[in-house]
C-alpha cells in the first residue's frame, strides 16, 4: 500500500470522526468492527506522523506557528464531517422516491431541490478536502510530497496488514 499526504489526511479524518461518525469506512458497519477500525486508524496516524515528521493533530503539536494552521485544519475537518443532505442516513429511499414521483409537480420540486443540494454538498466536500490537503502540505513542509510503503511503516513498528477485516466481526447490526 502507498501512503501519501492524501492518505494521511483521510486517516486523520477517520480519527477525528471516530467510530460513531458514520464517516468513510465506519459507515454501515457494526460496533465492534468500527471500534477495531478506530484503533487501527489511530495506530496508522501515529505511524504516518513519524514518517512525515509532523502531526496533523493539534493536541500533539509542539507550540509552533503550525498550531494556528492545525486549529484551522481541525475546524475544517469538523465542518467536512458535518456535511450532510436531507437524504443523509437513508440506507434505502426507493419507496420515498416513488412517493415523491407520484406526488406530481410538488414531488418533482422536492427531487429537483434535493439534486441541487446533493451537488452543492458534493462541491463543498471537494473544497473541504482541497483545503485540508493544502493545509497539510503547509504543515508538512518539505515532506509534503513524500510517500511511504507498507514496508516503510512496518520498519517503523506499524503493520498495516493487521487492519481489521469485516468478516472477523459477525454482528447482528449492520
N, C-alpha and C. Protein backbone atom coordinates (compact mmCIF):
# COMPACT_ATOMS: atom_id res chain seq x y z
N UNK A 1 0.85 -1.18 0.00
CA UNK A 1 0.00 0.00 0.00
C UNK A 1 0.89 1.24 0.00
N UNK A 2 0.38 2.31 -0.58
CA UNK A 2 1.12 3.57 -0.66
C UNK A 2 0.43 4.61 0.22
N UNK A 3 1.20 5.29 1.04
CA UNK A 3 0.67 6.30 1.95
C UNK A 3 1.29 7.65 1.63
N UNK A 4 0.47 8.52 1.06
CA UNK A 4 0.92 9.87 0.74
C UNK A 4 0.16 10.86 1.62
N UNK A 5 0.30 12.12 1.31
CA UNK A 5 -0.37 13.18 2.09
C UNK A 5 -1.88 12.98 2.11
N UNK A 6 -2.47 12.63 0.99
CA UNK A 6 -3.93 12.43 0.93
C UNK A 6 -4.35 11.28 1.85
N UNK A 7 -3.55 10.22 1.91
CA UNK A 7 -3.86 9.10 2.80
C UNK A 7 -3.76 9.55 4.26
N UNK A 8 -2.79 10.39 4.56
CA UNK A 8 -2.62 10.93 5.91
C UNK A 8 -3.84 11.77 6.29
N UNK A 9 -4.29 12.61 5.39
CA UNK A 9 -5.48 13.45 5.65
C UNK A 9 -6.71 12.57 5.87
N UNK A 10 -6.92 11.56 5.00
CA UNK A 10 -8.07 10.65 5.17
C UNK A 10 -8.01 9.92 6.51
N UNK A 11 -6.82 9.49 6.88
CA UNK A 11 -6.64 8.82 8.16
C UNK A 11 -6.99 9.77 9.30
N UNK A 12 -6.53 11.00 9.21
CA UNK A 12 -6.83 11.99 10.26
C UNK A 12 -8.33 12.22 10.35
N UNK A 13 -9.03 12.25 9.23
CA UNK A 13 -10.48 12.43 9.24
C UNK A 13 -11.15 11.25 9.94
N UNK A 14 -10.66 10.05 9.73
CA UNK A 14 -11.23 8.89 10.43
C UNK A 14 -11.00 9.00 11.94
N UNK A 15 -9.82 9.46 12.33
CA UNK A 15 -9.52 9.60 13.76
C UNK A 15 -10.39 10.69 14.38
N UNK A 16 -10.50 11.83 13.72
CA UNK A 16 -11.32 12.92 14.24
C UNK A 16 -12.79 12.50 14.30
N UNK A 17 -13.26 11.88 13.23
CA UNK A 17 -14.66 11.48 13.18
C UNK A 17 -15.01 10.44 14.22
N UNK A 18 -14.13 9.49 14.40
CA UNK A 18 -14.37 8.44 15.37
C UNK A 18 -15.32 7.38 14.86
N UNK A 19 -15.40 6.26 15.59
CA UNK A 19 -16.16 5.10 15.11
C UNK A 19 -17.67 5.30 15.02
N UNK A 20 -18.19 6.30 15.70
CA UNK A 20 -19.65 6.51 15.67
C UNK A 20 -20.07 7.59 14.68
N UNK A 21 -19.13 8.11 13.91
CA UNK A 21 -19.41 9.23 13.00
C UNK A 21 -20.14 8.82 11.73
N UNK A 22 -19.99 7.57 11.31
CA UNK A 22 -20.55 7.16 10.03
C UNK A 22 -19.69 7.59 8.86
N UNK A 23 -18.55 8.22 9.15
CA UNK A 23 -17.67 8.69 8.09
C UNK A 23 -16.91 7.54 7.44
N UNK A 24 -16.75 7.62 6.16
CA UNK A 24 -15.87 6.74 5.42
C UNK A 24 -16.06 5.27 5.71
N UNK A 25 -15.00 4.63 6.16
CA UNK A 25 -15.04 3.19 6.36
C UNK A 25 -15.84 2.78 7.60
N UNK A 26 -16.28 3.75 8.39
CA UNK A 26 -17.13 3.43 9.54
C UNK A 26 -18.59 3.26 9.13
N UNK A 27 -18.94 3.76 7.97
CA UNK A 27 -20.34 3.79 7.54
C UNK A 27 -20.93 2.39 7.43
N UNK A 28 -22.08 2.21 8.06
CA UNK A 28 -22.85 0.99 7.91
C UNK A 28 -22.24 -0.25 8.53
N UNK A 29 -21.26 -0.09 9.40
CA UNK A 29 -20.60 -1.25 9.98
C UNK A 29 -21.05 -1.46 11.42
N UNK A 30 -20.82 -2.65 11.93
CA UNK A 30 -21.16 -3.00 13.30
C UNK A 30 -20.24 -2.33 14.31
N UNK A 31 -20.71 -2.21 15.53
CA UNK A 31 -19.99 -1.51 16.59
C UNK A 31 -18.60 -2.07 16.85
N UNK A 32 -18.50 -3.37 17.00
CA UNK A 32 -17.20 -3.98 17.31
C UNK A 32 -16.19 -3.72 16.20
N UNK A 33 -16.63 -3.87 14.96
CA UNK A 33 -15.73 -3.63 13.84
C UNK A 33 -15.31 -2.17 13.79
N UNK A 34 -16.26 -1.26 13.97
CA UNK A 34 -15.93 0.18 13.94
C UNK A 34 -14.90 0.52 15.02
N UNK A 35 -15.05 -0.05 16.19
CA UNK A 35 -14.09 0.23 17.28
C UNK A 35 -12.70 -0.33 16.93
N UNK A 36 -12.67 -1.53 16.39
CA UNK A 36 -11.39 -2.11 15.98
C UNK A 36 -10.75 -1.25 14.89
N UNK A 37 -11.56 -0.78 13.95
CA UNK A 37 -11.07 0.06 12.87
C UNK A 37 -10.55 1.39 13.42
N UNK A 38 -11.22 1.94 14.42
CA UNK A 38 -10.78 3.20 15.03
C UNK A 38 -9.39 3.01 15.65
N UNK A 39 -9.17 1.89 16.32
CA UNK A 39 -7.86 1.61 16.88
C UNK A 39 -6.79 1.50 15.80
N UNK A 40 -7.17 0.87 14.70
CA UNK A 40 -6.25 0.73 13.57
C UNK A 40 -5.88 2.12 13.02
N UNK A 41 -6.89 2.98 12.81
CA UNK A 41 -6.60 4.31 12.26
C UNK A 41 -5.75 5.14 13.22
N UNK A 42 -5.97 5.00 14.53
CA UNK A 42 -5.14 5.72 15.50
C UNK A 42 -3.68 5.28 15.38
N UNK A 43 -3.46 3.98 15.25
CA UNK A 43 -2.09 3.48 15.08
C UNK A 43 -1.48 3.91 13.76
N UNK A 44 -2.27 3.86 12.70
CA UNK A 44 -1.80 4.30 11.39
C UNK A 44 -1.42 5.77 11.43
N UNK A 45 -2.25 6.58 12.08
CA UNK A 45 -1.95 8.01 12.16
C UNK A 45 -0.61 8.24 12.85
N UNK A 46 -0.35 7.56 13.94
CA UNK A 46 0.93 7.72 14.65
C UNK A 46 2.09 7.29 13.76
N UNK A 47 1.91 6.21 13.02
CA UNK A 47 2.96 5.75 12.11
C UNK A 47 3.22 6.79 11.02
N UNK A 48 2.17 7.37 10.49
CA UNK A 48 2.33 8.39 9.45
C UNK A 48 2.95 9.66 10.03
N UNK A 49 2.60 10.01 11.24
CA UNK A 49 3.23 11.15 11.90
C UNK A 49 4.75 10.96 11.97
N UNK A 50 5.15 9.77 12.37
CA UNK A 50 6.60 9.50 12.47
C UNK A 50 7.27 9.61 11.10
N UNK A 51 6.62 9.07 10.07
CA UNK A 51 7.21 9.09 8.73
C UNK A 51 7.26 10.50 8.16
N UNK A 52 6.17 11.25 8.33
CA UNK A 52 6.13 12.62 7.79
C UNK A 52 6.90 13.60 8.67
N UNK A 53 7.15 13.23 9.91
CA UNK A 53 7.89 14.12 10.81
C UNK A 53 7.07 15.25 11.36
N UNK A 54 5.76 15.21 11.17
CA UNK A 54 4.85 16.25 11.65
C UNK A 54 3.51 15.62 11.99
N UNK A 55 2.83 16.19 12.96
CA UNK A 55 1.49 15.75 13.30
C UNK A 55 0.46 16.69 12.69
N UNK A 56 -0.69 16.14 12.38
CA UNK A 56 -1.84 16.95 11.96
C UNK A 56 -2.83 17.09 13.11
N UNK A 57 -2.45 16.60 14.28
CA UNK A 57 -3.29 16.62 15.48
C UNK A 57 -2.87 17.79 16.37
N UNK A 58 -3.73 18.75 16.52
CA UNK A 58 -3.44 19.93 17.33
C UNK A 58 -3.03 19.55 18.75
N UNK A 59 -3.66 18.54 19.31
CA UNK A 59 -3.37 18.15 20.70
C UNK A 59 -1.93 17.65 20.87
N UNK A 60 -1.33 17.13 19.82
CA UNK A 60 0.04 16.60 19.92
C UNK A 60 1.06 17.53 19.28
N UNK A 61 0.63 18.65 18.77
CA UNK A 61 1.55 19.56 18.07
C UNK A 61 2.40 20.34 19.07
N UNK A 62 3.64 20.54 18.71
CA UNK A 62 4.53 21.38 19.51
C UNK A 62 4.05 22.83 19.41
N UNK A 63 4.37 23.63 20.39
CA UNK A 63 3.94 25.04 20.34
C UNK A 63 4.73 25.82 19.28
N UNK A 64 4.23 25.73 18.05
CA UNK A 64 4.88 26.42 16.93
C UNK A 64 3.82 27.18 16.15
N UNK A 65 4.27 27.80 15.08
CA UNK A 65 3.34 28.52 14.21
C UNK A 65 2.32 27.57 13.59
N UNK A 66 2.66 26.28 13.51
CA UNK A 66 1.73 25.30 12.93
C UNK A 66 0.45 25.15 13.76
N UNK A 67 0.49 25.51 15.03
CA UNK A 67 -0.69 25.34 15.88
C UNK A 67 -1.88 26.11 15.30
N UNK A 68 -1.67 27.30 14.81
CA UNK A 68 -2.77 28.07 14.22
C UNK A 68 -3.31 27.37 12.98
N UNK A 69 -2.40 26.85 12.16
CA UNK A 69 -2.82 26.12 10.97
C UNK A 69 -3.57 24.84 11.35
N UNK A 70 -3.11 24.17 12.41
CA UNK A 70 -3.77 22.94 12.84
C UNK A 70 -5.14 23.23 13.47
N UNK A 71 -5.30 24.40 14.05
CA UNK A 71 -6.63 24.79 14.53
C UNK A 71 -7.59 24.90 13.35
N UNK A 72 -7.11 25.53 12.27
CA UNK A 72 -7.93 25.65 11.07
C UNK A 72 -8.16 24.28 10.44
N UNK A 73 -7.14 23.43 10.45
CA UNK A 73 -7.29 22.07 9.93
C UNK A 73 -8.40 21.35 10.71
N UNK A 74 -8.34 21.42 12.04
CA UNK A 74 -9.33 20.74 12.89
C UNK A 74 -10.74 21.27 12.62
N UNK A 75 -10.90 22.58 12.52
CA UNK A 75 -12.25 23.12 12.29
C UNK A 75 -12.74 22.81 10.87
N UNK A 76 -11.83 22.75 9.92
CA UNK A 76 -12.21 22.38 8.55
C UNK A 76 -12.62 20.91 8.51
N UNK A 77 -11.88 20.08 9.21
CA UNK A 77 -12.23 18.65 9.28
C UNK A 77 -13.59 18.47 9.93
N UNK A 78 -13.85 19.19 11.02
CA UNK A 78 -15.16 19.09 11.69
C UNK A 78 -16.27 19.55 10.75
N UNK A 79 -16.02 20.60 10.01
CA UNK A 79 -17.01 21.10 9.05
C UNK A 79 -17.25 20.06 7.95
N UNK A 80 -16.18 19.47 7.45
CA UNK A 80 -16.30 18.43 6.43
C UNK A 80 -17.14 17.26 6.94
N UNK A 81 -16.83 16.81 8.14
CA UNK A 81 -17.53 15.66 8.71
C UNK A 81 -19.00 15.95 9.01
N UNK A 82 -19.34 17.22 9.16
CA UNK A 82 -20.73 17.61 9.45
C UNK A 82 -21.58 17.77 8.20
N UNK A 83 -20.96 17.81 7.03
CA UNK A 83 -21.71 18.00 5.79
C UNK A 83 -22.71 16.87 5.58
N UNK A 84 -23.93 17.24 5.26
CA UNK A 84 -24.96 16.23 5.01
C UNK A 84 -26.05 16.83 4.13
N UNK A 85 -26.91 15.97 3.67
CA UNK A 85 -28.05 16.38 2.86
C UNK A 85 -29.32 15.87 3.54
N UNK A 86 -30.48 16.28 3.07
CA UNK A 86 -31.71 15.72 3.64
C UNK A 86 -31.81 14.21 3.47
N UNK A 87 -31.05 13.65 2.55
CA UNK A 87 -31.08 12.21 2.29
C UNK A 87 -30.00 11.45 3.06
N UNK A 88 -29.15 12.16 3.76
CA UNK A 88 -28.10 11.51 4.54
C UNK A 88 -28.74 10.59 5.58
N UNK A 89 -28.18 9.43 5.70
CA UNK A 89 -28.68 8.48 6.69
C UNK A 89 -29.69 7.49 6.15
N UNK A 90 -30.22 7.75 4.97
CA UNK A 90 -31.14 6.78 4.36
C UNK A 90 -30.34 5.65 3.74
N UNK A 91 -30.59 4.45 4.17
CA UNK A 91 -29.94 3.30 3.54
C UNK A 91 -30.68 2.90 2.28
N UNK A 92 -31.99 3.05 2.31
CA UNK A 92 -32.83 2.72 1.16
C UNK A 92 -33.97 3.73 1.13
N UNK A 93 -34.07 4.47 0.05
CA UNK A 93 -35.09 5.51 -0.06
C UNK A 93 -35.99 5.29 -1.26
N UNK A 94 -35.97 4.09 -1.83
CA UNK A 94 -36.76 3.81 -3.03
C UNK A 94 -38.24 4.10 -2.87
N UNK A 95 -38.81 3.69 -1.75
CA UNK A 95 -40.23 3.93 -1.51
C UNK A 95 -40.53 5.41 -1.41
N UNK A 96 -39.66 6.15 -0.74
CA UNK A 96 -39.84 7.59 -0.62
C UNK A 96 -39.75 8.27 -1.98
N UNK A 97 -38.80 7.87 -2.79
CA UNK A 97 -38.65 8.45 -4.13
C UNK A 97 -39.90 8.17 -4.96
N UNK A 98 -40.41 6.94 -4.89
CA UNK A 98 -41.64 6.60 -5.62
C UNK A 98 -42.80 7.47 -5.16
N UNK A 99 -42.88 7.70 -3.86
CA UNK A 99 -43.96 8.53 -3.31
C UNK A 99 -43.85 9.97 -3.82
N UNK A 100 -42.63 10.49 -3.87
CA UNK A 100 -42.41 11.84 -4.38
C UNK A 100 -42.73 11.91 -5.87
N UNK A 101 -42.33 10.91 -6.62
CA UNK A 101 -42.65 10.88 -8.06
C UNK A 101 -44.15 10.85 -8.28
N UNK A 102 -44.86 10.14 -7.42
CA UNK A 102 -46.32 10.04 -7.54
C UNK A 102 -47.01 11.33 -7.10
N UNK A 103 -46.29 12.21 -6.41
CA UNK A 103 -46.88 13.45 -5.92
C UNK A 103 -46.99 14.53 -6.99
N UNK A 104 -46.55 14.22 -8.19
CA UNK A 104 -46.68 15.18 -9.28
C UNK A 104 -45.65 16.29 -9.21
N UNK A 105 -46.05 17.50 -9.65
CA UNK A 105 -45.10 18.62 -9.71
C UNK A 105 -44.46 18.95 -8.36
N UNK A 106 -45.20 18.85 -7.28
CA UNK A 106 -44.63 19.17 -5.96
C UNK A 106 -43.52 18.17 -5.61
N UNK A 107 -43.76 16.90 -5.88
CA UNK A 107 -42.73 15.90 -5.65
C UNK A 107 -41.52 16.13 -6.53
N UNK A 108 -41.78 16.55 -7.77
CA UNK A 108 -40.70 16.88 -8.69
C UNK A 108 -39.86 18.03 -8.17
N UNK A 109 -40.52 19.02 -7.57
CA UNK A 109 -39.78 20.15 -6.98
C UNK A 109 -38.88 19.66 -5.84
N UNK A 110 -39.39 18.76 -5.01
CA UNK A 110 -38.59 18.23 -3.91
C UNK A 110 -37.38 17.48 -4.46
N UNK A 111 -37.59 16.66 -5.46
CA UNK A 111 -36.49 15.90 -6.05
C UNK A 111 -35.47 16.82 -6.73
N UNK A 112 -35.96 17.85 -7.40
CA UNK A 112 -35.04 18.80 -8.05
C UNK A 112 -34.22 19.56 -7.02
N UNK A 113 -34.87 20.01 -5.96
CA UNK A 113 -34.15 20.72 -4.89
C UNK A 113 -33.14 19.77 -4.24
N UNK A 114 -33.54 18.52 -4.05
CA UNK A 114 -32.64 17.53 -3.47
C UNK A 114 -31.40 17.35 -4.34
N UNK A 115 -31.60 17.32 -5.64
CA UNK A 115 -30.47 17.18 -6.55
C UNK A 115 -29.52 18.35 -6.45
N UNK A 116 -30.08 19.57 -6.35
CA UNK A 116 -29.23 20.75 -6.21
C UNK A 116 -28.46 20.72 -4.89
N UNK A 117 -29.12 20.29 -3.83
CA UNK A 117 -28.46 20.19 -2.52
C UNK A 117 -27.34 19.16 -2.58
N UNK A 118 -27.60 18.00 -3.20
CA UNK A 118 -26.57 16.96 -3.34
C UNK A 118 -25.36 17.51 -4.08
N UNK A 119 -25.60 18.27 -5.16
CA UNK A 119 -24.49 18.85 -5.93
C UNK A 119 -23.71 19.85 -5.09
N UNK A 120 -24.42 20.69 -4.34
CA UNK A 120 -23.76 21.70 -3.51
C UNK A 120 -22.92 21.04 -2.41
N UNK A 121 -23.46 20.01 -1.80
CA UNK A 121 -22.72 19.32 -0.74
C UNK A 121 -21.51 18.58 -1.33
N UNK A 122 -21.68 17.97 -2.49
CA UNK A 122 -20.55 17.30 -3.14
C UNK A 122 -19.44 18.32 -3.46
N UNK A 123 -19.83 19.49 -3.93
CA UNK A 123 -18.86 20.55 -4.21
C UNK A 123 -18.19 21.01 -2.92
N UNK A 124 -18.96 21.18 -1.86
CA UNK A 124 -18.41 21.59 -0.57
C UNK A 124 -17.43 20.53 -0.05
N UNK A 125 -17.76 19.26 -0.23
CA UNK A 125 -16.84 18.20 0.20
C UNK A 125 -15.51 18.29 -0.55
N UNK A 126 -15.58 18.48 -1.85
CA UNK A 126 -14.35 18.60 -2.64
C UNK A 126 -13.52 19.80 -2.17
N UNK A 127 -14.19 20.93 -1.92
CA UNK A 127 -13.48 22.12 -1.47
C UNK A 127 -12.88 21.93 -0.09
N UNK A 128 -13.59 21.26 0.81
CA UNK A 128 -13.05 20.97 2.13
C UNK A 128 -11.80 20.09 2.02
N UNK A 129 -11.89 19.04 1.19
CA UNK A 129 -10.73 18.15 1.03
C UNK A 129 -9.54 18.88 0.42
N UNK A 130 -9.82 19.77 -0.52
CA UNK A 130 -8.75 20.56 -1.12
C UNK A 130 -8.10 21.44 -0.05
N UNK A 131 -8.92 22.07 0.78
CA UNK A 131 -8.40 22.93 1.84
C UNK A 131 -7.59 22.11 2.85
N UNK A 132 -8.10 20.94 3.24
CA UNK A 132 -7.38 20.09 4.18
C UNK A 132 -6.04 19.64 3.59
N UNK A 133 -6.05 19.26 2.32
CA UNK A 133 -4.82 18.84 1.66
C UNK A 133 -3.80 19.97 1.61
N UNK A 134 -4.26 21.17 1.30
CA UNK A 134 -3.35 22.32 1.22
C UNK A 134 -2.80 22.69 2.59
N UNK A 135 -3.65 22.66 3.62
CA UNK A 135 -3.18 22.93 4.97
C UNK A 135 -2.14 21.88 5.39
N UNK A 136 -2.41 20.62 5.07
CA UNK A 136 -1.46 19.56 5.40
C UNK A 136 -0.14 19.80 4.67
N UNK A 137 -0.19 20.22 3.42
CA UNK A 137 1.04 20.49 2.66
C UNK A 137 1.86 21.59 3.33
N UNK A 138 1.19 22.62 3.83
CA UNK A 138 1.90 23.71 4.51
C UNK A 138 2.57 23.19 5.78
N UNK A 139 1.83 22.41 6.55
CA UNK A 139 2.35 21.89 7.82
C UNK A 139 3.50 20.91 7.58
N UNK A 140 3.37 20.07 6.57
CA UNK A 140 4.38 19.04 6.32
C UNK A 140 5.62 19.57 5.62
N UNK A 141 5.58 20.79 5.17
CA UNK A 141 6.69 21.49 4.51
C UNK A 141 7.40 20.62 3.47
N UNK A 142 8.68 20.37 3.68
CA UNK A 142 9.47 19.66 2.67
C UNK A 142 9.13 18.18 2.56
N UNK A 143 8.32 17.65 3.46
CA UNK A 143 7.89 16.24 3.39
C UNK A 143 6.50 16.11 2.78
N UNK A 144 5.93 17.21 2.35
CA UNK A 144 4.54 17.22 1.86
C UNK A 144 4.31 16.27 0.69
N UNK A 145 5.30 16.06 -0.13
CA UNK A 145 5.12 15.19 -1.30
C UNK A 145 5.70 13.79 -1.08
N UNK A 146 6.07 13.50 0.14
CA UNK A 146 6.62 12.18 0.45
C UNK A 146 5.52 11.12 0.36
N UNK A 147 5.94 9.91 0.13
CA UNK A 147 5.02 8.77 0.13
C UNK A 147 5.77 7.59 0.73
N UNK A 148 5.01 6.76 1.43
CA UNK A 148 5.62 5.65 2.14
C UNK A 148 4.89 4.37 1.80
N UNK A 149 5.60 3.28 1.89
CA UNK A 149 5.04 1.97 1.58
C UNK A 149 4.68 1.24 2.87
N UNK A 150 3.99 0.13 2.71
CA UNK A 150 3.69 -0.73 3.86
C UNK A 150 4.98 -1.17 4.54
N UNK A 151 6.00 -1.44 3.74
CA UNK A 151 7.29 -1.86 4.29
C UNK A 151 7.90 -0.75 5.14
N UNK A 152 7.77 0.50 4.69
CA UNK A 152 8.28 1.63 5.47
C UNK A 152 7.59 1.70 6.83
N UNK A 153 6.27 1.50 6.83
CA UNK A 153 5.53 1.56 8.10
C UNK A 153 5.91 0.39 9.00
N UNK A 154 6.08 -0.78 8.42
CA UNK A 154 6.49 -1.95 9.22
C UNK A 154 7.86 -1.72 9.85
N UNK A 155 8.76 -1.10 9.09
CA UNK A 155 10.09 -0.81 9.62
C UNK A 155 10.00 0.14 10.82
N UNK A 156 8.96 0.95 10.85
CA UNK A 156 8.74 1.87 11.97
C UNK A 156 7.88 1.29 13.07
N UNK A 157 7.49 0.03 12.94
CA UNK A 157 6.75 -0.63 14.00
C UNK A 157 5.25 -0.74 13.82
N UNK A 158 4.72 -0.35 12.66
CA UNK A 158 3.28 -0.47 12.42
C UNK A 158 3.04 -1.39 11.23
N UNK A 159 2.26 -2.42 11.45
CA UNK A 159 1.97 -3.39 10.39
C UNK A 159 0.56 -3.14 9.86
N UNK A 160 0.48 -2.55 8.67
CA UNK A 160 -0.84 -2.24 8.10
C UNK A 160 -1.58 -3.51 7.65
N UNK A 161 -0.89 -4.63 7.61
CA UNK A 161 -1.55 -5.89 7.27
C UNK A 161 -2.44 -6.37 8.42
N UNK A 162 -2.32 -5.75 9.58
CA UNK A 162 -3.14 -6.13 10.74
C UNK A 162 -4.44 -5.33 10.79
N UNK A 163 -4.77 -4.72 9.68
CA UNK A 163 -6.04 -3.97 9.58
C UNK A 163 -7.20 -4.92 9.86
N UNK A 164 -8.16 -4.51 10.68
CA UNK A 164 -9.30 -5.39 10.97
C UNK A 164 -10.08 -5.74 9.70
N UNK A 165 -10.50 -6.97 9.63
CA UNK A 165 -11.29 -7.44 8.49
C UNK A 165 -12.75 -7.54 8.90
N UNK A 166 -13.63 -7.04 8.07
CA UNK A 166 -15.07 -7.02 8.36
C UNK A 166 -15.58 -8.42 8.69
N UNK A 167 -15.13 -9.40 7.97
CA UNK A 167 -15.62 -10.77 8.16
C UNK A 167 -15.29 -11.34 9.53
N UNK A 168 -14.31 -10.76 10.21
CA UNK A 168 -13.92 -11.25 11.53
C UNK A 168 -14.85 -10.73 12.63
N UNK A 169 -15.81 -9.88 12.25
CA UNK A 169 -16.73 -9.28 13.23
C UNK A 169 -18.17 -9.53 12.82
N UNK A 170 -18.63 -10.77 12.92
CA UNK A 170 -20.02 -11.06 12.54
C UNK A 170 -20.97 -10.54 13.63
N UNK A 171 -21.62 -9.44 13.33
CA UNK A 171 -22.55 -8.83 14.28
C UNK A 171 -23.94 -8.81 13.69
N UNK A 172 -24.91 -8.78 14.55
CA UNK A 172 -26.30 -8.72 14.11
C UNK A 172 -26.60 -7.36 13.47
N UNK A 173 -26.02 -6.31 14.02
CA UNK A 173 -26.29 -4.98 13.47
C UNK A 173 -25.37 -4.69 12.28
N UNK A 174 -25.91 -4.06 11.28
CA UNK A 174 -25.10 -3.66 10.13
C UNK A 174 -25.44 -2.28 9.69
